[in-house]
Amino acid sequence: MRKLLTVTLAAMALVALAGVAMAADAAAAAPAAAEGAKLDSFGLGLIGLATAIGMAIAAAGCGIGQGMGLKGACEGVARNPEASNKLTTMLLLGLAFIESLAIYALVINLILLLMKPFG
């Protein structure tokens, strides 16, 4: 329990400090952004690679989650066939929530790819 608490607090501190560092970096880069600076081809390639990896991770996670949900529903129906209507309803609701996470990841990746400064 103590290790989990330590890791959680360290992660929270890292996230908090990352925001401060990014804000300082954004303030320093404001004049360059005002001039209409664009990324070079290497920067655009890195953005494309990051969005591809991000979408792959999101799709893999959602696929695993949906598979586990379907497995649980099939096992539940096999054990108790009378509860199949309730299980089907809960399964469809869960699959919709899981699929929405993949759609959110897609939207974020499209925003990264199609933002005006990158094009």
C-alpha atoms as a PDB file:
ATOM      1  CA  MET A   1       0.000   0.000   0.000  1.00  0.00           C
ATOM      2  CA  ARG A   2       2.827   2.355   0.843  1.00  0.00           C
ATOM      3  CA  LYS A   3       4.521   1.770  -2.523  1.00  0.00           C
ATOM      4  CA  LEU A   4       1.283   2.506  -4.370  1.00  0.00           C
ATOM      5  CA  LEU A   5       0.842   5.732  -2.415  1.00  0.00           C
ATOM      6  CA  THR A   6       4.427   6.764  -3.139  1.00  0.00           C
ATOM      7  CA  VAL A   7       4.092   6.067  -6.850  1.00  0.00           C
ATOM      8  CA  THR A   8       0.765   7.894  -7.018  1.00  0.00           C
ATOM      9  CA  LEU A   9       2.109  10.977  -5.248  1.00  0.00           C
ATOM     10  CA  ALA A  10       5.237  10.988  -7.419  1.00  0.00           C
ATOM     11  CA  ALA A  11       3.109  10.807 -10.561  1.00  0.00           C
ATOM     12  CA  MET A  12       0.894  13.660  -9.332  1.00  0.00           C
ATOM     13  CA  ALA A  13       3.968  15.794  -8.584  1.00  0.00           C
ATOM     14  CA  LEU A  14       5.376  15.053 -12.030  1.00  0.00           C
ATOM     15  CA  VAL A  15       2.125  16.081 -13.711  1.00  0.00           C
ATOM     16  CA  ALA A  16       1.925  19.272 -11.642  1.00  0.00           C
ATOM     17  CA  LEU A  17       5.505  20.260 -12.462  1.00  0.00           C
ATOM     18  CA  ALA A  18       5.094  19.442 -16.134  1.00  0.00           C
ATOM     19  CA  GLY A  19       2.322  22.032 -16.404  1.00  0.00           C
ATOM     20  CA  VAL A  20       4.545  24.721 -14.905  1.00  0.00           C
ATOM     21  CA  ALA A  21       7.410  23.825 -17.237  1.00  0.00           C
ATOM     22  CA  MET A  22       5.156  23.878 -20.290  1.00  0.00           C
ATOM     23  CA  ALA A  23       3.683  27.232 -19.294  1.00  0.00           C
ATOM     24  CA  ALA A  24       7.160  28.732 -19.001  1.00  0.00           C
ATOM     25  CA  ASP A  25       8.123  27.264 -22.367  1.00  0.00           C
ATOM     26  CA  ALA A  26       4.936  28.609 -23.962  1.00  0.00           C
ATOM     27  CA  ALA A  27       5.650  32.113 -22.653  1.00  0.00           C
ATOM     28  CA  ALA A  28       9.128  32.019 -24.165  1.00  0.00           C
ATOM     29  CA  ALA A  29       7.805  30.757 -27.499  1.00  0.00           C
ATOM     30  CA  ALA A  30       4.994  33.318 -27.769  1.00  0.00           C
ATOM     31  CA  PRO A  31       6.951  35.775 -29.980  1.00  0.00           C
ATOM     32  CA  ALA A  32       7.868  32.979 -32.383  1.00  0.00           C
ATOM     33  CA  ALA A  33       4.256  31.839 -32.593  1.00  0.00           C
ATOM     34  CA  ALA A  34       3.118  35.406 -33.238  1.00  0.00           C
ATOM     35  CA  GLU A  35       5.346  35.522 -36.305  1.00  0.00           C
ATOM     36  CA  GLY A  36       3.570  32.515 -37.765  1.00  0.00           C
ATOM     37  CA  ALA A  37       6.361  29.993 -37.281  1.00  0.00           C
ATOM     38  CA  LYS A  38       5.688  26.595 -38.796  1.00  0.00           C
ATOM     39  CA  LEU A  39       7.131  23.200 -37.992  1.00  0.00           C
ATOM     40  CA  ASP A  40       9.710  21.710 -40.293  1.00  0.00           C
ATOM     41  CA  SER A  41       9.216  18.315 -41.895  1.00  0.00           C
ATOM     42  CA  PHE A  42      10.960  16.543 -39.002  1.00  0.00           C
ATOM     43  CA  GLY A  43       8.563  18.118 -36.487  1.00  0.00           C
ATOM     44  CA  LEU A  44       5.569  17.208 -38.615  1.00  0.00           C
ATOM     45  CA  GLY A  45       6.886  13.656 -38.870  1.00  0.00           C
ATOM     46  CA  LEU A  46       7.184  13.433 -35.095  1.00  0.00           C
ATOM     47  CA  ILE A  47       3.617  14.683 -34.690  1.00  0.00           C
ATOM     48  CA  GLY A  48       2.426  12.078 -37.181  1.00  0.00           C
ATOM     49  CA  LEU A  49       4.363   9.341 -35.403  1.00  0.00           C
ATOM     50  CA  ALA A  50       3.018  10.397 -32.007  1.00  0.00           C
ATOM     51  CA  THR A  51      -0.571  10.411 -33.222  1.00  0.00           C
ATOM     52  CA  ALA A  52      -0.136   7.000 -34.858  1.00  0.00           C
ATOM     53  CA  ILE A  53       1.313   5.497 -31.682  1.00  0.00           C
ATOM     54  CA  GLY A  54      -1.356   7.163 -29.546  1.00  0.00           C
ATOM     55  CA  MET A  55      -4.170   5.822 -31.692  1.00  0.00           C
ATOM     56  CA  ALA A  56      -2.611   2.363 -31.752  1.00  0.00           C
ATOM     57  CA  ILE A  57      -2.425   2.269 -27.963  1.00  0.00           C
ATOM     58  CA  ALA A  58      -6.004   3.538 -27.642  1.00  0.00           C
ATOM     59  CA  ALA A  59      -7.324   1.014 -30.166  1.00  0.00           C
ATOM     60  CA  ALA A  60      -5.449  -1.848 -28.527  1.00  0.00           C
ATOM     61  CA  GLY A  61      -6.704  -0.906 -25.071  1.00  0.00           C
ATOM     62  CA  CYS A  62     -10.271  -0.560 -26.260  1.00  0.00           C
ATOM     63  CA  GLY A  63     -10.086  -3.859 -28.141  1.00  0.00           C
ATOM     64  CA  ILE A  64      -8.798  -5.676 -25.071  1.00  0.00           C
ATOM     65  CA  GLY A  65     -11.484  -4.061 -22.901  1.00  0.00           C
ATOM     66  CA  GLN A  66     -14.255  -4.973 -25.312  1.00  0.00           C
ATOM     67  CA  GLY A  67     -12.992  -8.534 -25.580  1.00  0.00           C
ATOM     68  CA  MET A  68     -12.904  -8.937 -21.821  1.00  0.00           C
ATOM     69  CA  GLY A  69     -16.410  -7.499 -21.523  1.00  0.00           C
ATOM     70  CA  LEU A  70     -17.764  -9.843 -24.167  1.00  0.00           C
ATOM     71  CA  LYS A  71     -16.038 -12.792 -22.515  1.00  0.00           C
ATOM     72  CA  GLY A  72     -17.634 -11.935 -19.172  1.00  0.00           C
ATOM     73  CA  ALA A  73     -21.073 -11.537 -20.728  1.00  0.00           C
ATOM     74  CA  CYS A  74     -20.824 -14.870 -22.542  1.00  0.00           C
ATOM     75  CA  GLU A  75     -19.754 -16.623 -19.353  1.00  0.00           C
ATOM     76  CA  GLY A  76     -22.596 -14.960 -17.447  1.00  0.00           C
ATOM     77  CA  VAL A  77     -25.195 -16.069 -19.976  1.00  0.00           C
ATOM     78  CA  ALA A  78     -23.751 -19.590 -19.948  1.00  0.00           C
ATOM     79  CA  ARG A  79     -24.093 -19.745 -16.158  1.00  0.00           C
ATOM     80  CA  ASN A  80     -27.480 -18.058 -15.899  1.00  0.00           C
ATOM     81  CA  PRO A  81     -29.500 -17.969 -19.147  1.00  0.00           C
ATOM     82  CA  GLU A  82     -32.437 -16.195 -17.472  1.00  0.00           C
ATOM     83  CA  ALA A  83     -30.301 -13.090 -16.900  1.00  0.00           C
ATOM     84  CA  SER A  84     -29.358 -12.710 -20.572  1.00  0.00           C
ATOM     85  CA  ASN A  85     -31.539  -9.599 -21.085  1.00  0.00           C
ATOM     86  CA  LYS A  86     -29.875  -7.727 -18.208  1.00  0.00           C
ATOM     87  CA  LEU A  87     -26.430  -8.870 -19.280  1.00  0.00           C
ATOM     88  CA  THR A  88     -27.022  -7.836 -22.879  1.00  0.00           C
ATOM     89  CA  THR A  89     -28.138  -4.373 -21.812  1.00  0.00           C
ATOM     90  CA  MET A  90     -25.142  -3.892 -19.543  1.00  0.00           C
ATOM     91  CA  LEU A  91     -22.790  -5.288 -22.198  1.00  0.00           C
ATOM     92  CA  LEU A  92     -24.010  -2.876 -24.859  1.00  0.00           C
ATOM     93  CA  LEU A  93     -23.769   0.055 -22.463  1.00  0.00           C
ATOM     94  CA  GLY A  94     -20.228  -0.927 -21.470  1.00  0.00           C
ATOM     95  CA  LEU A  95     -19.144  -1.421 -25.068  1.00  0.00           C
ATOM     96  CA  ALA A  96     -20.516   2.020 -25.971  1.00  0.00           C
ATOM     97  CA  PHE A  97     -18.499   3.624 -23.164  1.00  0.00           C
ATOM     98  CA  ILE A  98     -15.348   1.778 -24.205  1.00  0.00           C
ATOM     99  CA  GLU A  99     -15.845   2.732 -27.852  1.00  0.00           C
ATOM    100  CA  SER A 100     -16.309   6.384 -26.866  1.00  0.00           C
ATOM    101  CA  LEU A 101     -12.788   6.331 -25.404  1.00  0.00           C
ATOM    102  CA  ALA A 102     -11.407   5.279 -28.780  1.00  0.00           C
ATOM    103  CA  ILE A 103     -13.396   8.050 -30.471  1.00  0.00           C
ATOM    104  CA  TYR A 104     -12.024  10.608 -27.988  1.00  0.00           C
ATOM    105  CA  ALA A 105      -8.493   9.430 -28.777  1.00  0.00           C
ATOM    106  CA  LEU A 106      -9.226   9.765 -32.496  1.00  0.00           C
ATOM    107  CA  VAL A 107     -10.525  13.316 -32.044  1.00  0.00           C
ATOM    108  CA  ILE A 108      -7.455  14.332 -30.041  1.00  0.00           C
ATOM    109  CA  ASN A 109      -5.163  12.814 -32.659  1.00  0.00           C
ATOM    110  CA  LEU A 110      -7.000  14.596 -35.461  1.00  0.00           C
ATOM    111  CA  ILE A 111      -6.706  17.879 -33.578  1.00  0.00           C
ATOM    112  CA  LEU A 112      -2.952  17.324 -33.258  1.00  0.00           C
ATOM    113  CA  LEU A 113      -2.620  16.527 -36.952  1.00  0.00           C
ATOM    114  CA  LEU A 114      -4.855  19.255 -38.359  1.00  0.00           C
ATOM    115  CA  MET A 115      -4.039  22.252 -36.157  1.00  0.00           C
ATOM    116  CA  LYS A 116      -3.317  25.388 -38.148  1.00  0.00           C
ATOM    117  CA  PRO A 117       0.314  25.954 -36.993  1.00  0.00           C
ATOM    118  CA  PHE A 118       1.264  22.463 -38.165  1.00  0.00           C
ATOM    119  CA  GLY A 119      -0.045  22.844 -41.690  1.00  0.00           C
END
